[in-house]
Amino acid sequence: MRNGFSKNLKDLRKLCALSQAQLAERLSVTVKTLSHWETAYSEPSIQQILAIAEYFGITVDELLKG
């Protein structure tokens, strides 16, 4: 998932001018969790992927592939 999701998540967060803390709060995860997703250290669950895509108003395909 690294090549698409991690970069896309970070790019979307920055595009919306959100800090990691702000986005983590909105997604109900810790900053550490969000950081791990952005660096591809770990991956979100399918439910979390759906929530992220919904938050940004994009499809899961767009989130994962760009």
PDB file of N, CA and C in Angstrom:
ATOM      1  N   MET A   1       0.826  -1.199   0.000  1.00  0.00           N
ATOM      2  CA  MET A   1       0.000   0.000   0.000  1.00  0.00           C
ATOM      3  C   MET A   1       0.870   1.262   0.000  1.00  0.00           C
ATOM      4  N   ARG A   2       2.137   1.148   0.252  1.00  0.00           N
ATOM      5  CA  ARG A   2       3.021   2.307   0.416  1.00  0.00           C
ATOM      6  C   ARG A   2       2.998   3.264  -0.759  1.00  0.00           C
ATOM      7  N   ASN A   3       3.124   2.754  -1.942  1.00  0.00           N
ATOM      8  CA  ASN A   3       3.264   3.643  -3.086  1.00  0.00           C
ATOM      9  C   ASN A   3       2.056   4.531  -3.311  1.00  0.00           C
ATOM     10  N   GLY A   4       0.888   4.104  -2.949  1.00  0.00           N
ATOM     11  CA  GLY A   4      -0.294   4.909  -3.160  1.00  0.00           C
ATOM     12  C   GLY A   4      -0.860   5.529  -1.904  1.00  0.00           C
ATOM     13  N   PHE A   5      -1.331   4.690  -1.024  1.00  0.00           N
ATOM     14  CA  PHE A   5      -2.070   5.170   0.139  1.00  0.00           C
ATOM     15  C   PHE A   5      -1.290   6.147   1.010  1.00  0.00           C
ATOM     16  N   SER A   6      -0.104   5.776   1.432  1.00  0.00           N
ATOM     17  CA  SER A   6       0.653   6.611   2.374  1.00  0.00           C
ATOM     18  C   SER A   6       0.898   8.001   1.823  1.00  0.00           C
ATOM     19  N   LYS A   7       1.350   8.060   0.577  1.00  0.00           N
ATOM     20  CA  LYS A   7       1.608   9.353  -0.058  1.00  0.00           C
ATOM     21  C   LYS A   7       0.320  10.131  -0.241  1.00  0.00           C
ATOM     22  N   ASN A   8      -0.723   9.461  -0.684  1.00  0.00           N
ATOM     23  CA  ASN A   8      -2.008  10.138  -0.903  1.00  0.00           C
ATOM     24  C   ASN A   8      -2.573  10.699   0.395  1.00  0.00           C
ATOM     25  N   LEU A   9      -2.471   9.938   1.465  1.00  0.00           N
ATOM     26  CA  LEU A   9      -2.983  10.406   2.751  1.00  0.00           C
ATOM     27  C   LEU A   9      -2.249  11.667   3.186  1.00  0.00           C
ATOM     28  N   LYS A  10      -0.939  11.639   3.104  1.00  0.00           N
ATOM     29  CA  LYS A  10      -0.145  12.804   3.504  1.00  0.00           C
ATOM     30  C   LYS A  10      -0.450  14.000   2.604  1.00  0.00           C
ATOM     31  N   ASP A  11      -0.545  13.758   1.294  1.00  0.00           N
ATOM     32  CA  ASP A  11      -0.844  14.841   0.348  1.00  0.00           C
ATOM     33  C   ASP A  11      -2.220  15.451   0.613  1.00  0.00           C
ATOM     34  N   LEU A  12      -3.209  14.607   0.876  1.00  0.00           N
ATOM     35  CA  LEU A  12      -4.559  15.096   1.167  1.00  0.00           C
ATOM     36  C   LEU A  12      -4.584  15.915   2.447  1.00  0.00           C
ATOM     37  N   ARG A  13      -3.887  15.428   3.462  1.00  0.00           N
ATOM     38  CA  ARG A  13      -3.823  16.152   4.729  1.00  0.00           C
ATOM     39  C   ARG A  13      -3.216  17.536   4.532  1.00  0.00           C
ATOM     40  N   LYS A  14      -2.123  17.590   3.793  1.00  0.00           N
ATOM     41  CA  LYS A  14      -1.459  18.874   3.554  1.00  0.00           C
ATOM     42  C   LYS A  14      -2.309  19.783   2.678  1.00  0.00           C
ATOM     43  N   LEU A  15      -2.972  19.213   1.675  1.00  0.00           N
ATOM     44  CA  LEU A  15      -3.840  19.986   0.792  1.00  0.00           C
ATOM     45  C   LEU A  15      -4.956  20.664   1.578  1.00  0.00           C
ATOM     46  N   CYS A  16      -5.431  19.994   2.601  1.00  0.00           N
ATOM     47  CA  CYS A  16      -6.496  20.541   3.447  1.00  0.00           C
ATOM     48  C   CYS A  16      -5.941  21.361   4.612  1.00  0.00           C
ATOM     49  N   ALA A  17      -4.635  21.582   4.618  1.00  0.00           N
ATOM     50  CA  ALA A  17      -3.960  22.380   5.654  1.00  0.00           C
ATOM     51  C   ALA A  17      -4.250  21.867   7.063  1.00  0.00           C
ATOM     52  N   LEU A  18      -4.170  20.549   7.213  1.00  0.00           N
ATOM     53  CA  LEU A  18      -4.398  19.927   8.507  1.00  0.00           C
ATOM     54  C   LEU A  18      -3.081  19.415   9.073  1.00  0.00           C
ATOM     55  N   SER A  19      -2.898  19.566  10.357  1.00  0.00           N
ATOM     56  CA  SER A  19      -1.747  18.947  11.024  1.00  0.00           C
ATOM     57  C   SER A  19      -2.084  17.476  11.246  1.00  0.00           C
ATOM     58  N   GLN A  20      -1.061  16.706  11.562  1.00  0.00           N
ATOM     59  CA  GLN A  20      -1.331  15.304  11.881  1.00  0.00           C
ATOM     60  C   GLN A  20      -2.259  15.209  13.083  1.00  0.00           C
ATOM     61  N   ALA A  21      -2.079  16.077  14.048  1.00  0.00           N
ATOM     62  CA  ALA A  21      -2.925  16.049  15.250  1.00  0.00           C
ATOM     63  C   ALA A  21      -4.384  16.339  14.899  1.00  0.00           C
ATOM     64  N   GLN A  22      -4.606  17.303  14.029  1.00  0.00           N
ATOM     65  CA  GLN A  22      -5.981  17.653  13.648  1.00  0.00           C
ATOM     66  C   GLN A  22      -6.654  16.496  12.916  1.00  0.00           C
ATOM     67  N   LEU A  23      -5.956  15.914  11.944  1.00  0.00           N
ATOM     68  CA  LEU A  23      -6.559  14.818  11.189  1.00  0.00           C
ATOM     69  C   LEU A  23      -6.741  13.586  12.076  1.00  0.00           C
ATOM     70  N   ALA A  24      -5.770  13.301  12.910  1.00  0.00           N
ATOM     71  CA  ALA A  24      -5.891  12.157  13.812  1.00  0.00           C
ATOM     72  C   ALA A  24      -7.128  12.300  14.686  1.00  0.00           C
ATOM     73  N   GLU A  25      -7.356  13.493  15.203  1.00  0.00           N
ATOM     74  CA  GLU A  25      -8.535  13.725  16.042  1.00  0.00           C
ATOM     75  C   GLU A  25      -9.819  13.499  15.249  1.00  0.00           C
ATOM     76  N   ARG A  26      -9.859  13.991  14.036  1.00  0.00           N
ATOM     77  CA  ARG A  26     -11.060  13.845  13.208  1.00  0.00           C
ATOM     78  C   ARG A  26     -11.323  12.393  12.829  1.00  0.00           C
ATOM     79  N   LEU A  27     -10.251  11.601  12.741  1.00  0.00           N
ATOM     80  CA  LEU A  27     -10.396  10.187  12.389  1.00  0.00           C
ATOM     81  C   LEU A  27     -10.454   9.283  13.618  1.00  0.00           C
ATOM     82  N   SER A  28     -10.388   9.876  14.802  1.00  0.00           N
ATOM     83  CA  SER A  28     -10.430   9.131  16.076  1.00  0.00           C
ATOM     84  C   SER A  28      -9.300   8.120  16.199  1.00  0.00           C
ATOM     85  N   VAL A  29      -8.099   8.552  15.821  1.00  0.00           N
ATOM     86  CA  VAL A  29      -6.901   7.735  16.006  1.00  0.00           C
ATOM     87  C   VAL A  29      -5.841   8.607  16.676  1.00  0.00           C
ATOM     88  N   THR A  30      -4.754   7.993  17.086  1.00  0.00           N
ATOM     89  CA  THR A  30      -3.675   8.771  17.692  1.00  0.00           C
ATOM     90  C   THR A  30      -2.788   9.375  16.601  1.00  0.00           C
ATOM     91  N   VAL A  31      -2.024  10.383  16.976  1.00  0.00           N
ATOM     92  CA  VAL A  31      -1.072  10.993  16.045  1.00  0.00           C
ATOM     93  C   VAL A  31      -0.047   9.950  15.608  1.00  0.00           C
ATOM     94  N   LYS A  32       0.356   9.110  16.541  1.00  0.00           N
ATOM     95  CA  LYS A  32       1.322   8.051  16.227  1.00  0.00           C
ATOM     96  C   LYS A  32       0.769   7.106  15.153  1.00  0.00           C
ATOM     97  N   THR A  33      -0.494   6.746  15.275  1.00  0.00           N
ATOM     98  CA  THR A  33      -1.127   5.878  14.277  1.00  0.00           C
ATOM     99  C   THR A  33      -1.133   6.547  12.912  1.00  0.00           C
ATOM    100  N   LEU A  34      -1.545   7.803  12.875  1.00  0.00           N
ATOM    101  CA  LEU A  34      -1.585   8.536  11.607  1.00  0.00           C
ATOM    102  C   LEU A  34      -0.183   8.646  11.002  1.00  0.00           C
ATOM    103  N   SER A  35       0.791   8.937  11.833  1.00  0.00           N
ATOM    104  CA  SER A  35       2.174   9.017  11.368  1.00  0.00           C
ATOM    105  C   SER A  35       2.635   7.693  10.774  1.00  0.00           C
ATOM    106  N   HIS A  36       2.271   6.605  11.429  1.00  0.00           N
ATOM    107  CA  HIS A  36       2.640   5.277  10.922  1.00  0.00           C
ATOM    108  C   HIS A  36       1.984   5.001   9.573  1.00  0.00           C
ATOM    109  N   TRP A  37       0.761   5.447   9.385  1.00  0.00           N
ATOM    110  CA  TRP A  37       0.100   5.277   8.087  1.00  0.00           C
ATOM    111  C   TRP A  37       0.821   6.081   7.011  1.00  0.00           C
ATOM    112  N   GLU A  38       1.201   7.308   7.331  1.00  0.00           N
ATOM    113  CA  GLU A  38       1.845   8.183   6.349  1.00  0.00           C
ATOM    114  C   GLU A  38       3.252   7.713   5.983  1.00  0.00           C
ATOM    115  N   THR A  39       3.880   6.948   6.838  1.00  0.00           N
ATOM    116  CA  THR A  39       5.223   6.444   6.557  1.00  0.00           C
ATOM    117  C   THR A  39       5.213   4.976   6.152  1.00  0.00           C
ATOM    118  N   ALA A  40       4.029   4.416   6.023  1.00  0.00           N
ATOM    119  CA  ALA A  40       3.828   3.015   5.631  1.00  0.00           C
ATOM    120  C   ALA A  40       4.405   2.032   6.652  1.00  0.00           C
ATOM    121  N   TYR A  41       4.533   2.477   7.891  1.00  0.00           N
ATOM    122  CA  TYR A  41       4.977   1.587   8.963  1.00  0.00           C
ATOM    123  C   TYR A  41       3.858   0.608   9.323  1.00  0.00           C
ATOM    124  N   SER A  42       2.625   1.080   9.198  1.00  0.00           N
ATOM    125  CA  SER A  42       1.457   0.231   9.416  1.00  0.00           C
ATOM    126  C   SER A  42       0.356   0.673   8.461  1.00  0.00           C
ATOM    127  N   GLU A  43      -0.689  -0.118   8.415  1.00  0.00           N
ATOM    128  CA  GLU A  43      -1.802   0.171   7.507  1.00  0.00           C
ATOM    129  C   GLU A  43      -3.111   0.206   8.287  1.00  0.00           C
ATOM    130  N   PRO A  44      -4.050   1.042   7.841  1.00  0.00           N
ATOM    131  CA  PRO A  44      -5.355   1.102   8.500  1.00  0.00           C
ATOM    132  C   PRO A  44      -6.203  -0.115   8.143  1.00  0.00           C
ATOM    133  N   SER A  45      -7.209  -0.343   8.961  1.00  0.00           N
ATOM    134  CA  SER A  45      -8.172  -1.404   8.661  1.00  0.00           C
ATOM    135  C   SER A  45      -9.053  -0.956   7.494  1.00  0.00           C
ATOM    136  N   ILE A  46      -9.795  -1.874   6.969  1.00  0.00           N
ATOM    137  CA  ILE A  46     -10.714  -1.538   5.871  1.00  0.00           C
ATOM    138  C   ILE A  46     -11.738  -0.506   6.339  1.00  0.00           C
ATOM    139  N   GLN A  47     -12.231  -0.641   7.555  1.00  0.00           N
ATOM    140  CA  GLN A  47     -13.185   0.324   8.088  1.00  0.00           C
ATOM    141  C   GLN A  47     -12.555   1.712   8.184  1.00  0.00           C
ATOM    142  N   GLN A  48     -11.284   1.759   8.577  1.00  0.00           N
ATOM    143  CA  GLN A  48     -10.596   3.044   8.671  1.00  0.00           C
ATOM    144  C   GLN A  48     -10.359   3.650   7.289  1.00  0.00           C
ATOM    145  N   ILE A  49     -10.039   2.815   6.313  1.00  0.00           N
ATOM    146  CA  ILE A  49      -9.859   3.298   4.943  1.00  0.00           C
ATOM    147  C   ILE A  49     -11.160   3.917   4.441  1.00  0.00           C
ATOM    148  N   LEU A  50     -12.265   3.245   4.706  1.00  0.00           N
ATOM    149  CA  LEU A  50     -13.567   3.780   4.307  1.00  0.00           C
ATOM    150  C   LEU A  50     -13.838   5.126   4.976  1.00  0.00           C
ATOM    151  N   ALA A  51     -13.514   5.229   6.256  1.00  0.00           N
ATOM    152  CA  ALA A  51     -13.732   6.477   6.996  1.00  0.00           C
ATOM    153  C   ALA A  51     -12.852   7.604   6.457  1.00  0.00           C
ATOM    154  N   ILE A  52     -11.612   7.290   6.109  1.00  0.00           N
ATOM    155  CA  ILE A  52     -10.696   8.300   5.560  1.00  0.00           C
ATOM    156  C   ILE A  52     -11.203   8.797   4.217  1.00  0.00           C
ATOM    157  N   ALA A  53     -11.601   7.870   3.359  1.00  0.00           N
ATOM    158  CA  ALA A  53     -12.123   8.260   2.043  1.00  0.00           C
ATOM    159  C   ALA A  53     -13.374   9.119   2.202  1.00  0.00           C
ATOM    160  N   GLU A  54     -14.246   8.741   3.102  1.00  0.00           N
ATOM    161  CA  GLU A  54     -15.462   9.520   3.344  1.00  0.00           C
ATOM    162  C   GLU A  54     -15.123  10.904   3.873  1.00  0.00           C
ATOM    163  N   TYR A  55     -14.171  10.982   4.792  1.00  0.00           N
ATOM    164  CA  TYR A  55     -13.788  12.270   5.363  1.00  0.00           C
ATOM    165  C   TYR A  55     -13.317  13.227   4.260  1.00  0.00           C
ATOM    166  N   PHE A  56     -12.504  12.729   3.345  1.00  0.00           N
ATOM    167  CA  PHE A  56     -11.973  13.582   2.282  1.00  0.00           C
ATOM    168  C   PHE A  56     -12.913  13.696   1.080  1.00  0.00           C
ATOM    169  N   GLY A  57     -14.009  12.964   1.096  1.00  0.00           N
ATOM    170  CA  GLY A  57     -14.975  13.041   0.013  1.00  0.00           C
ATOM    171  C   GLY A  57     -14.468  12.449  -1.296  1.00  0.00           C
ATOM    172  N   ILE A  58     -13.716  11.375  -1.165  1.00  0.00           N
ATOM    173  CA  ILE A  58     -13.168  10.691  -2.347  1.00  0.00           C
ATOM    174  C   ILE A  58     -13.514   9.211  -2.260  1.00  0.00           C
ATOM    175  N   THR A  59     -13.268   8.502  -3.353  1.00  0.00           N
ATOM    176  CA  THR A  59     -13.511   7.064  -3.356  1.00  0.00           C
ATOM    177  C   THR A  59     -12.316   6.338  -2.734  1.00  0.00           C
ATOM    178  N   VAL A  60     -12.556   5.126  -2.319  1.00  0.00           N
ATOM    179  CA  VAL A  60     -11.474   4.307  -1.784  1.00  0.00           C
ATOM    180  C   VAL A  60     -10.405   4.105  -2.859  1.00  0.00           C
ATOM    181  N   ASP A  61     -10.831   3.914  -4.090  1.00  0.00           N
ATOM    182  CA  ASP A  61      -9.892   3.745  -5.205  1.00  0.00           C
ATOM    183  C   ASP A  61      -8.994   4.983  -5.334  1.00  0.00           C
ATOM    184  N   GLU A  62      -9.570   6.153  -5.246  1.00  0.00           N
ATOM    185  CA  GLU A  62      -8.771   7.379  -5.330  1.00  0.00           C
ATOM    186  C   GLU A  62      -7.800   7.465  -4.166  1.00  0.00           C
ATOM    187  N   LEU A  63      -8.239   7.074  -2.981  1.00  0.00           N
ATOM    188  CA  LEU A  63      -7.382   7.116  -1.808  1.00  0.00           C
ATOM    189  C   LEU A  63      -6.216   6.153  -1.936  1.00  0.00           C
ATOM    190  N   LEU A  64      -6.475   4.963  -2.435  1.00  0.00           N
ATOM    191  CA  LEU A  64      -5.438   3.950  -2.512  1.00  0.00           C
ATOM    192  C   LEU A  64      -4.506   4.128  -3.698  1.00  0.00           C
ATOM    193  N   LYS A  65      -5.047   4.582  -4.809  1.00  0.00           N
ATOM    194  CA  LYS A  65      -4.243   4.670  -6.028  1.00  0.00           C
ATOM    195  C   LYS A  65      -3.881   6.089  -6.452  1.00  0.00           C
ATOM    196  N   GLY A  66      -4.641   7.049  -5.979  1.00  0.00           N
ATOM    197  CA  GLY A  66      -4.369   8.440  -6.367  1.00  0.00           C
ATOM    198  C   GLY A  66      -5.139   8.889  -7.557  1.00  0.00           C
TER     199      GLY A  66
END
